[in-house]
Structure formats: C-alpha cells, structure tokens
PDB file of all heavy atoms in Angstrom:
ATOM      1  N   ALA A   1       0.844  -1.200   0.015  1.00  0.00           N
ATOM      2  CA  ALA A   1       0.010   0.032   0.001  1.00  0.00           C
ATOM      3  C   ALA A   1       0.828   1.256  -0.001  1.00  0.00           C
ATOM      4  O   ALA A   1       0.586   2.226  -0.718  1.00  0.00           O
ATOM      5  CB  ALA A   1      -0.933   0.018   1.222  1.00  0.00           C
ATOM      6  N   LEU A   2       1.861   1.228   0.810  1.00  0.00           N
ATOM      7  CA  LEU A   2       2.798   2.426   0.898  1.00  0.00           C
ATOM      8  C   LEU A   2       3.499   2.666  -0.473  1.00  0.00           C
ATOM      9  O   LEU A   2       3.787   3.787  -0.838  1.00  0.00           O
ATOM     10  CB  LEU A   2       3.728   2.278   2.035  1.00  0.00           C
ATOM     11  CG  LEU A   2       3.137   2.407   3.467  1.00  0.00           C
ATOM     12  CD1 LEU A   2       4.187   2.081   4.509  1.00  0.00           C
ATOM     13  CD2 LEU A   2       2.524   3.722   3.714  1.00  0.00           C
ATOM     14  N   GLU A   3       3.872   1.602  -1.082  1.00  0.00           N
ATOM     15  CA  GLU A   3       4.645   1.727  -2.303  1.00  0.00           C
ATOM     16  C   GLU A   3       3.766   2.011  -3.543  1.00  0.00           C
ATOM     17  O   GLU A   3       4.138   2.774  -4.427  1.00  0.00           O
ATOM     18  CB  GLU A   3       5.415   0.448  -2.612  1.00  0.00           C
ATOM     19  CG  GLU A   3       6.585   0.188  -1.625  1.00  0.00           C
ATOM     20  CD  GLU A   3       7.155  -1.248  -1.803  1.00  0.00           C
ATOM     21  OE1 GLU A   3       6.759  -1.968  -2.752  1.00  0.00           O
ATOM     22  OE2 GLU A   3       8.030  -1.597  -0.995  1.00  0.00           O
ATOM     23  N   ARG A   4       2.573   1.421  -3.556  1.00  0.00           N
ATOM     24  CA  ARG A   4       1.780   1.455  -4.823  1.00  0.00           C
ATOM     25  C   ARG A   4       0.553   2.386  -4.784  1.00  0.00           C
ATOM     26  O   ARG A   4      -0.062   2.662  -5.760  1.00  0.00           O
ATOM     27  CB  ARG A   4       1.387   0.031  -5.170  1.00  0.00           C
ATOM     28  CG  ARG A   4       2.554  -0.894  -5.378  1.00  0.00           C
ATOM     29  CD  ARG A   4       2.172  -2.357  -5.426  1.00  0.00           C
ATOM     30  NE  ARG A   4       1.238  -2.699  -6.499  1.00  0.00           N
ATOM     31  CZ  ARG A   4       0.701  -3.833  -6.646  1.00  0.00           C
ATOM     32  NH1 ARG A   4       0.820  -4.806  -5.700  1.00  0.00           N
ATOM     33  NH2 ARG A   4      -0.039  -4.090  -7.706  1.00  0.00           N
ATOM     34  N   LEU A   5       0.118   2.789  -3.533  1.00  0.00           N
ATOM     35  CA  LEU A   5      -1.060   3.610  -3.360  1.00  0.00           C
ATOM     36  C   LEU A   5      -0.562   4.926  -2.683  1.00  0.00           C
ATOM     37  O   LEU A   5      -0.807   5.113  -1.485  1.00  0.00           O
ATOM     38  CB  LEU A   5      -2.119   2.900  -2.617  1.00  0.00           C
ATOM     39  CG  LEU A   5      -2.642   1.657  -3.276  1.00  0.00           C
ATOM     40  CD1 LEU A   5      -3.437   0.821  -2.243  1.00  0.00           C
ATOM     41  CD2 LEU A   5      -3.517   2.006  -4.495  1.00  0.00           C
ATOM     42  N   GLN A   6      -0.008   5.783  -3.482  1.00  0.00           N
ATOM     43  CA  GLN A   6       0.713   6.973  -2.891  1.00  0.00           C
ATOM     44  C   GLN A   6      -0.224   7.997  -2.228  1.00  0.00           C
ATOM     45  O   GLN A   6       0.292   8.791  -1.443  1.00  0.00           O
ATOM     46  CB  GLN A   6       1.509   7.647  -4.011  1.00  0.00           C
ATOM     47  CG  GLN A   6       2.625   6.782  -4.574  1.00  0.00           C
ATOM     48  CD  GLN A   6       3.738   6.505  -3.646  1.00  0.00           C
ATOM     49  OE1 GLN A   6       4.113   7.408  -2.851  1.00  0.00           O
ATOM     50  NE2 GLN A   6       4.277   5.305  -3.632  1.00  0.00           N
ATOM     51  N   LYS A   7      -1.482   7.948  -2.496  1.00  0.00           N
ATOM     52  CA  LYS A   7      -2.419   8.918  -1.913  1.00  0.00           C
ATOM     53  C   LYS A   7      -3.069   8.401  -0.583  1.00  0.00           C
ATOM     54  O   LYS A   7      -3.765   9.189   0.052  1.00  0.00           O
ATOM     55  CB  LYS A   7      -3.435   9.315  -2.994  1.00  0.00           C
ATOM     56  CG  LYS A   7      -2.902  10.045  -4.128  1.00  0.00           C
ATOM     57  CD  LYS A   7      -4.014  10.417  -5.113  1.00  0.00           C
ATOM     58  CE  LYS A   7      -3.534  11.138  -6.322  1.00  0.00           C
ATOM     59  NZ  LYS A   7      -4.605  11.572  -7.254  1.00  0.00           N
ATOM     60  N   SER A   8      -2.833   7.191  -0.303  1.00  0.00           N
ATOM     61  CA  SER A   8      -3.513   6.614   0.828  1.00  0.00           C
ATOM     62  C   SER A   8      -2.642   6.524   2.107  1.00  0.00           C
ATOM     63  O   SER A   8      -1.396   6.400   1.994  1.00  0.00           O
ATOM     64  CB  SER A   8      -3.956   5.105   0.531  1.00  0.00           C
ATOM     65  OG  SER A   8      -4.857   5.138  -0.514  1.00  0.00           O
ATOM     66  N   PHE A   9      -3.274   6.778   3.273  1.00  0.00           N
ATOM     67  CA  PHE A   9      -2.561   6.527   4.552  1.00  0.00           C
ATOM     68  C   PHE A   9      -2.815   5.080   4.993  1.00  0.00           C
ATOM     69  O   PHE A   9      -3.840   4.471   4.614  1.00  0.00           O
ATOM     70  CB  PHE A   9      -3.152   7.462   5.586  1.00  0.00           C
ATOM     71  CG  PHE A   9      -2.713   8.928   5.422  1.00  0.00           C
ATOM     72  CD1 PHE A   9      -3.407   9.703   4.479  1.00  0.00           C
ATOM     73  CD2 PHE A   9      -1.737   9.484   6.161  1.00  0.00           C
ATOM     74  CE1 PHE A   9      -3.012  11.002   4.267  1.00  0.00           C
ATOM     75  CE2 PHE A   9      -1.325  10.782   5.994  1.00  0.00           C
ATOM     76  CZ  PHE A   9      -1.998  11.556   5.053  1.00  0.00           C
ATOM     77  N   VAL A  10      -1.937   4.547   5.819  1.00  0.00           N
ATOM     78  CA  VAL A  10      -2.012   3.229   6.238  1.00  0.00           C
ATOM     79  C   VAL A  10      -1.935   3.217   7.767  1.00  0.00           C
ATOM     80  O   VAL A  10      -1.017   3.795   8.372  1.00  0.00           O
ATOM     81  CB  VAL A  10      -0.923   2.268   5.697  1.00  0.00           C
ATOM     82  CG1 VAL A  10      -1.049   0.869   6.275  1.00  0.00           C
ATOM     83  CG2 VAL A  10      -0.955   2.241   4.155  1.00  0.00           C
ATOM     84  N   VAL A  11      -2.906   2.577   8.392  1.00  0.00           N
ATOM     85  CA  VAL A  11      -2.894   2.474   9.895  1.00  0.00           C
ATOM     86  C   VAL A  11      -2.876   0.963  10.163  1.00  0.00           C
ATOM     87  O   VAL A  11      -3.787   0.206   9.730  1.00  0.00           O
ATOM     88  CB  VAL A  11      -4.153   3.123  10.514  1.00  0.00           C
ATOM     89  CG1 VAL A  11      -4.146   2.967  12.031  1.00  0.00           C
ATOM     90  CG2 VAL A  11      -4.166   4.592  10.196  1.00  0.00           C
ATOM     91  N   SER A  12      -1.906   0.567  10.940  1.00  0.00           N
ATOM     92  CA  SER A  12      -1.684  -0.860  11.196  1.00  0.00           C
ATOM     93  C   SER A  12      -1.691  -1.233  12.728  1.00  0.00           C
ATOM     94  O   SER A  12      -1.426  -0.280  13.531  1.00  0.00           O
ATOM     95  CB  SER A  12      -0.400  -1.292  10.614  1.00  0.00           C
ATOM     96  OG  SER A  12      -0.130  -2.714  10.786  1.00  0.00           O
ATOM     97  N   GLY A  13      -1.976  -2.466  13.068  1.00  0.00           N
ATOM     98  CA  GLY A  13      -1.961  -2.864  14.491  1.00  0.00           C
ATOM     99  C   GLY A  13      -0.888  -3.930  14.670  1.00  0.00           C
ATOM    100  O   GLY A  13      -0.727  -4.832  13.863  1.00  0.00           O
ATOM    101  N   SER A  14      -0.136  -3.830  15.769  1.00  0.00           N
ATOM    102  CA  SER A  14       0.872  -4.838  16.106  1.00  0.00           C
ATOM    103  C   SER A  14       1.086  -4.935  17.626  1.00  0.00           C
ATOM    104  O   SER A  14       1.564  -3.918  18.218  1.00  0.00           O
ATOM    105  CB  SER A  14       2.143  -4.444  15.421  1.00  0.00           C
ATOM    106  OG  SER A  14       3.226  -5.451  15.732  1.00  0.00           O
ATOM    107  N   GLY A  15       0.780  -6.000  18.204  1.00  0.00           N
ATOM    108  CA  GLY A  15       1.004  -6.216  19.605  1.00  0.00           C
ATOM    109  C   GLY A  15      -0.152  -5.847  20.466  1.00  0.00           C
ATOM    110  O   GLY A  15      -0.330  -4.637  20.812  1.00  0.00           O
ATOM    111  N   MET A  16      -0.964  -6.834  20.885  1.00  0.00           N
ATOM    112  CA  MET A  16      -2.129  -6.529  21.789  1.00  0.00           C
ATOM    113  C   MET A  16      -2.543  -7.747  22.533  1.00  0.00           C
ATOM    114  O   MET A  16      -3.547  -7.825  23.202  1.00  0.00           O
ATOM    115  CB  MET A  16      -3.348  -6.026  20.945  1.00  0.00           C
ATOM    116  CG  MET A  16      -3.920  -7.139  20.021  1.00  0.00           C
ATOM    117  SD  MET A  16      -4.584  -6.582  18.485  1.00  0.00           S
ATOM    118  CE  MET A  16      -3.053  -6.272  17.606  1.00  0.00           C
ATOM    119  N   ALA A  17      -1.603  -8.793  22.548  1.00  0.00           N
ATOM    120  CA  ALA A  17      -1.972 -10.065  23.193  1.00  0.00           C
ATOM    121  C   ALA A  17      -1.740  -9.984  24.739  1.00  0.00           C
ATOM    122  O   ALA A  17      -1.020  -9.058  25.204  1.00  0.00           O
ATOM    123  CB  ALA A  17      -1.135 -11.172  22.622  1.00  0.00           C
ATOM    124  N   GLY A  18      -2.326 -10.891  25.398  1.00  0.00           N
ATOM    125  CA  GLY A  18      -2.132 -11.037  26.826  1.00  0.00           C
ATOM    126  C   GLY A  18      -2.885 -10.074  27.717  1.00  0.00           C
ATOM    127  O   GLY A  18      -3.819  -9.440  27.332  1.00  0.00           O
ATOM    128  N   MET A  19      -2.353  -9.968  28.955  1.00  0.00           N
ATOM    129  CA  MET A  19      -3.032  -9.146  29.949  1.00  0.00           C
ATOM    130  C   MET A  19      -2.170  -8.026  30.458  1.00  0.00           C
ATOM    131  O   MET A  19      -2.171  -7.622  31.602  1.00  0.00           O
ATOM    132  CB  MET A  19      -3.390 -10.101  31.174  1.00  0.00           C
ATOM    133  CG  MET A  19      -4.482 -11.107  30.878  1.00  0.00           C
ATOM    134  SD  MET A  19      -6.088 -10.445  30.903  1.00  0.00           S
ATOM    135  CE  MET A  19      -6.310 -10.162  32.677  1.00  0.00           C
ATOM    136  N   GLY A  20      -1.331  -7.557  29.576  1.00  0.00           N
ATOM    137  CA  GLY A  20      -0.355  -6.445  29.937  1.00  0.00           C
ATOM    138  C   GLY A  20      -1.141  -5.195  30.185  1.00  0.00           C
ATOM    139  O   GLY A  20      -2.401  -5.033  29.939  1.00  0.00           O
ATOM    140  N   SER A  21      -0.416  -4.213  30.714  1.00  0.00           N
ATOM    141  CA  SER A  21      -1.060  -2.913  31.049  1.00  0.00           C
ATOM    142  C   SER A  21      -1.707  -2.284  29.864  1.00  0.00           C
ATOM    143  O   SER A  21      -1.148  -2.278  28.723  1.00  0.00           O
ATOM    144  CB  SER A  21       0.053  -1.959  31.572  1.00  0.00           C
ATOM    145  OG  SER A  21      -0.464  -0.669  31.713  1.00  0.00           O
ATOM    146  N   PRO A  22      -2.889  -1.715  30.052  1.00  0.00           N
ATOM    147  CA  PRO A  22      -3.514  -0.998  28.940  1.00  0.00           C
ATOM    148  C   PRO A  22      -2.695   0.166  28.446  1.00  0.00           C
ATOM    149  O   PRO A  22      -2.749   0.597  27.328  1.00  0.00           O
ATOM    150  CB  PRO A  22      -4.875  -0.571  29.500  1.00  0.00           C
ATOM    151  CG  PRO A  22      -4.654  -0.557  30.970  1.00  0.00           C
ATOM    152  CD  PRO A  22      -3.713  -1.708  31.207  1.00  0.00           C
ATOM    153  N   ASN A  23      -1.863   0.711  29.319  1.00  0.00           N
ATOM    154  CA  ASN A  23      -1.091   1.883  28.943  1.00  0.00           C
ATOM    155  C   ASN A  23       0.052   1.557  28.070  1.00  0.00           C
ATOM    156  O   ASN A  23       0.731   2.501  27.568  1.00  0.00           O
ATOM    157  CB  ASN A  23      -0.511   2.529  30.284  1.00  0.00           C
ATOM    158  CG  ASN A  23      -1.652   3.094  31.137  1.00  0.00           C
ATOM    159  OD1 ASN A  23      -2.627   3.538  30.681  1.00  0.00           O
ATOM    160  ND2 ASN A  23      -1.490   3.006  32.439  1.00  0.00           N
ATOM    161  N   SER A  24       0.339   0.262  27.810  1.00  0.00           N
ATOM    162  CA  SER A  24       1.421  -0.059  26.865  1.00  0.00           C
ATOM    163  C   SER A  24       0.890  -0.015  25.446  1.00  0.00           C
ATOM    164  O   SER A  24       1.727  -0.040  24.506  1.00  0.00           O
ATOM    165  CB  SER A  24       1.935  -1.476  27.158  1.00  0.00           C
ATOM    166  OG  SER A  24       0.927  -2.448  26.991  1.00  0.00           O
ATOM    167  N   ILE A  25      -0.399   0.081  25.192  1.00  0.00           N
ATOM    168  CA  ILE A  25      -0.917   0.218  23.858  1.00  0.00           C
ATOM    169  C   ILE A  25      -0.791   1.706  23.444  1.00  0.00           C
ATOM    170  O   ILE A  25      -1.353   2.553  24.112  1.00  0.00           O
ATOM    171  CB  ILE A  25      -2.439  -0.167  23.778  1.00  0.00           C
ATOM    172  CG1 ILE A  25      -2.617  -1.609  24.302  1.00  0.00           C
ATOM    173  CG2 ILE A  25      -2.975   0.003  22.388  1.00  0.00           C
ATOM    174  CD1 ILE A  25      -2.065  -2.694  23.416  1.00  0.00           C
ATOM    175  N   LYS A  26      -0.063   1.911  22.384  1.00  0.00           N
ATOM    176  CA  LYS A  26       0.219   3.284  22.006  1.00  0.00           C
ATOM    177  C   LYS A  26       0.167   3.390  20.450  1.00  0.00           C
ATOM    178  O   LYS A  26       0.091   2.447  19.749  1.00  0.00           O
ATOM    179  CB  LYS A  26       1.673   3.769  22.411  1.00  0.00           C
ATOM    180  CG  LYS A  26       1.881   3.688  23.959  1.00  0.00           C
ATOM    181  CD  LYS A  26       3.214   4.164  24.346  1.00  0.00           C
ATOM    182  CE  LYS A  26       3.419   4.038  25.856  1.00  0.00           C
ATOM    183  NZ  LYS A  26       2.448   4.861  26.624  1.00  0.00           N
ATOM    184  N   THR A  27       0.116   4.599  19.950  1.00  0.00           N
ATOM    185  CA  THR A  27       0.103   5.008  18.546  1.00  0.00           C
ATOM    186  C   THR A  27       1.419   5.591  18.194  1.00  0.00           C
ATOM    187  O   THR A  27       1.793   6.607  18.785  1.00  0.00           O
ATOM    188  CB  THR A  27      -1.083   5.834  18.158  1.00  0.00           C
ATOM    189  OG1 THR A  27      -2.322   5.120  18.404  1.00  0.00           O
ATOM    190  CG2 THR A  27      -1.003   6.169  16.632  1.00  0.00           C
ATOM    191  N   LYS A  28       2.084   5.111  17.136  1.00  0.00           N
ATOM    192  CA  LYS A  28       3.353   5.684  16.736  1.00  0.00           C
ATOM    193  C   LYS A  28       3.228   6.055  15.216  1.00  0.00           C
ATOM    194  O   LYS A  28       2.758   5.302  14.417  1.00  0.00           O
ATOM    195  CB  LYS A  28       4.454   4.643  16.872  1.00  0.00           C
ATOM    196  CG  LYS A  28       5.850   5.119  16.409  1.00  0.00           C
ATOM    197  CD  LYS A  28       6.874   3.965  16.616  1.00  0.00           C
ATOM    198  CE  LYS A  28       8.236   4.437  16.096  1.00  0.00           C
ATOM    199  NZ  LYS A  28       9.221   3.347  16.291  1.00  0.00           N
ATOM    200  N   LYS A  29       3.674   7.278  14.918  1.00  0.00           N
ATOM    201  CA  LYS A  29       3.743   7.697  13.528  1.00  0.00           C
ATOM    202  C   LYS A  29       5.066   7.229  12.973  1.00  0.00           C
ATOM    203  O   LYS A  29       6.130   7.800  13.468  1.00  0.00           O
ATOM    204  CB  LYS A  29       3.614   9.263  13.436  1.00  0.00           C
ATOM    205  CG  LYS A  29       3.627   9.748  11.976  1.00  0.00           C
ATOM    206  CD  LYS A  29       3.462  11.246  11.985  1.00  0.00           C
ATOM    207  CE  LYS A  29       3.420  11.792  10.584  1.00  0.00           C
ATOM    208  NZ  LYS A  29       3.187  13.248  10.560  1.00  0.00           N
ATOM    209  N   VAL A  30       5.083   6.304  12.096  1.00  0.00           N
ATOM    210  CA  VAL A  30       6.294   5.767  11.566  1.00  0.00           C
ATOM    211  C   VAL A  30       6.837   6.581  10.458  1.00  0.00           C
ATOM    212  O   VAL A  30       8.029   6.885  10.395  1.00  0.00           O
ATOM    213  CB  VAL A  30       6.102   4.268  11.082  1.00  0.00           C
ATOM    214  CG1 VAL A  30       7.432   3.712  10.606  1.00  0.00           C
ATOM    215  CG2 VAL A  30       5.488   3.456  12.258  1.00  0.00           C
ATOM    216  N   THR A  31       5.958   6.971   9.455  1.00  0.00           N
ATOM    217  CA  THR A  31       6.314   7.856   8.367  1.00  0.00           C
ATOM    218  C   THR A  31       5.108   8.721   8.193  1.00  0.00           C
ATOM    219  O   THR A  31       4.081   8.667   8.901  1.00  0.00           O
ATOM    220  CB  THR A  31       6.562   7.060   7.036  1.00  0.00           C
ATOM    221  OG1 THR A  31       5.379   6.438   6.591  1.00  0.00           O
ATOM    222  CG2 THR A  31       7.623   5.955   7.295  1.00  0.00           C
ATOM    223  N   ARG A  32       5.203   9.640   7.225  1.00  0.00           N
ATOM    224  CA  ARG A  32       4.132  10.638   7.054  1.00  0.00           C
ATOM    225  C   ARG A  32       2.793   9.937   6.773  1.00  0.00           C
ATOM    226  O   ARG A  32       1.722  10.447   7.192  1.00  0.00           O
ATOM    227  CB  ARG A  32       4.477  11.553   5.847  1.00  0.00           C
ATOM    228  CG  ARG A  32       3.466  12.674   5.654  1.00  0.00           C
ATOM    229  CD  ARG A  32       3.801  13.480   4.401  1.00  0.00           C
ATOM    230  NE  ARG A  32       3.654  12.713   3.212  1.00  0.00           N
ATOM    231  CZ  ARG A  32       2.467  12.622   2.550  1.00  0.00           C
ATOM    232  NH1 ARG A  32       1.344  13.131   3.072  1.00  0.00           N
ATOM    233  NH2 ARG A  32       2.338  11.984   1.471  1.00  0.00           N
ATOM    234  N   ARG A  33       2.804   8.755   6.130  1.00  0.00           N
ATOM    235  CA  ARG A  33       1.615   8.074   5.709  1.00  0.00           C
ATOM    236  C   ARG A  33       1.381   6.779   6.449  1.00  0.00           C
ATOM    237  O   ARG A  33       0.448   6.044   6.081  1.00  0.00           O
ATOM    238  CB  ARG A  33       1.626   7.819   4.198  1.00  0.00           C
ATOM    239  CG  ARG A  33       1.606   9.077   3.360  1.00  0.00           C
ATOM    240  CD  ARG A  33       1.896   8.807   1.867  1.00  0.00           C
ATOM    241  NE  ARG A  33       1.229   7.594   1.372  1.00  0.00           N
ATOM    242  CZ  ARG A  33       1.814   6.565   0.798  1.00  0.00           C
ATOM    243  NH1 ARG A  33       3.085   6.568   0.635  1.00  0.00           N
ATOM    244  NH2 ARG A  33       1.040   5.525   0.427  1.00  0.00           N
ATOM    245  N   PHE A  34       2.177   6.440   7.466  1.00  0.00           N
ATOM    246  CA  PHE A  34       2.093   5.125   8.134  1.00  0.00           C
ATOM    247  C   PHE A  34       2.035   5.283   9.596  1.00  0.00           C
ATOM    248  O   PHE A  34       2.967   5.858  10.165  1.00  0.00           O
ATOM    249  CB  PHE A  34       3.243   4.239   7.657  1.00  0.00           C
ATOM    250  CG  PHE A  34       3.226   2.892   8.256  1.00  0.00           C
ATOM    251  CD1 PHE A  34       2.090   2.192   8.512  1.00  0.00           C
ATOM    252  CD2 PHE A  34       4.426   2.282   8.723  1.00  0.00           C
ATOM    253  CE1 PHE A  34       2.120   0.906   9.106  1.00  0.00           C
ATOM    254  CE2 PHE A  34       4.463   1.118   9.342  1.00  0.00           C
ATOM    255  CZ  PHE A  34       3.298   0.392   9.522  1.00  0.00           C
ATOM    256  N   TYR A  35       1.012   4.740  10.264  1.00  0.00           N
ATOM    257  CA  TYR A  35       0.849   4.766  11.670  1.00  0.00           C
ATOM    258  C   TYR A  35       0.753   3.322  12.231  1.00  0.00           C
ATOM    259  O   TYR A  35       0.068   2.505  11.547  1.00  0.00           O
ATOM    260  CB  TYR A  35      -0.402   5.537  12.039  1.00  0.00           C
ATOM    261  CG  TYR A  35      -0.363   7.066  11.795  1.00  0.00           C
ATOM    262  CD1 TYR A  35      -0.455   7.567  10.562  1.00  0.00           C
ATOM    263  CD2 TYR A  35      -0.167   7.981  12.784  1.00  0.00           C
ATOM    264  CE1 TYR A  35      -0.407   8.894  10.230  1.00  0.00           C
ATOM    265  CE2 TYR A  35      -0.142   9.311  12.576  1.00  0.00           C
ATOM    266  CZ  TYR A  35      -0.246   9.780  11.296  1.00  0.00           C
ATOM    267  OH  TYR A  35      -0.164  11.130  11.030  1.00  0.00           O
ATOM    268  N   LEU A  36       1.374   3.079  13.285  1.00  0.00           N
ATOM    269  CA  LEU A  36       1.343   1.761  13.949  1.00  0.00           C
ATOM    270  C   LEU A  36       0.832   1.848  15.339  1.00  0.00           C
ATOM    271  O   LEU A  36       1.287   2.652  16.195  1.00  0.00           O
ATOM    272  CB  LEU A  36       2.816   1.207  13.961  1.00  0.00           C
ATOM    273  CG  LEU A  36       2.960  -0.289  14.384  1.00  0.00           C
ATOM    274  CD1 LEU A  36       2.192  -1.190  13.488  1.00  0.00           C
ATOM    275  CD2 LEU A  36       4.456  -0.620  14.441  1.00  0.00           C
ATOM    276  N   CYS A  37      -0.207   1.013  15.608  1.00  0.00           N
ATOM    277  CA  CYS A  37      -0.844   1.033  16.914  1.00  0.00           C
ATOM    278  C   CYS A  37      -0.652  -0.319  17.687  1.00  0.00           C
ATOM    279  O   CYS A  37      -0.625  -1.417  16.957  1.00  0.00           O
ATOM    280  CB  CYS A  37      -2.345   1.252  16.774  1.00  0.00           C
ATOM    281  SG  CYS A  37      -2.793   2.755  15.862  1.00  0.00           S
ATOM    282  N   GLY A  38      -0.474  -0.333  18.966  1.00  0.00           N
ATOM    283  CA  GLY A  38      -0.256  -1.481  19.729  1.00  0.00           C
ATOM    284  C   GLY A  38       0.948  -1.354  20.711  1.00  0.00           C
ATOM    285  O   GLY A  38       1.441  -0.235  20.820  1.00  0.00           O
ATOM    286  N   ASP A  39       1.354  -2.512  21.267  1.00  0.00           N
ATOM    287  CA  ASP A  39       2.560  -2.416  22.121  1.00  0.00           C
ATOM    288  C   ASP A  39       3.861  -2.766  21.361  1.00  0.00           C
ATOM    289  O   ASP A  39       4.942  -2.632  21.881  1.00  0.00           O
ATOM    290  CB  ASP A  39       2.410  -3.244  23.369  1.00  0.00           C
ATOM    291  CG  ASP A  39       2.260  -4.688  23.125  1.00  0.00           C
ATOM    292  OD1 ASP A  39       2.701  -5.210  22.045  1.00  0.00           O
ATOM    293  OD2 ASP A  39       1.657  -5.454  23.982  1.00  0.00           O
TER     294      ASP A  39
END
C-alpha cells in the first residue's frame, strides 16, 4: 500500500496479546503516511 497507493494513509496494528497494562498500547507515527498502533 505504501509503495503502490501513494495517496492513501495506512494504519496498522501490532502487539495486543495477553493481559499487559492497557497503557502499553500506543500509537506511533512511523512515516508521514504510516501509523502503527499496539505495544
């Protein structure tokens, strides 16, 4: 998507398993068009 769909933003999830603290789930802006959510 980032390579071939230049007008689109991408929001992805990574890391949400288990019973860890809810405060460990965060959102990170990786690049201008790519955001990563999770721990």
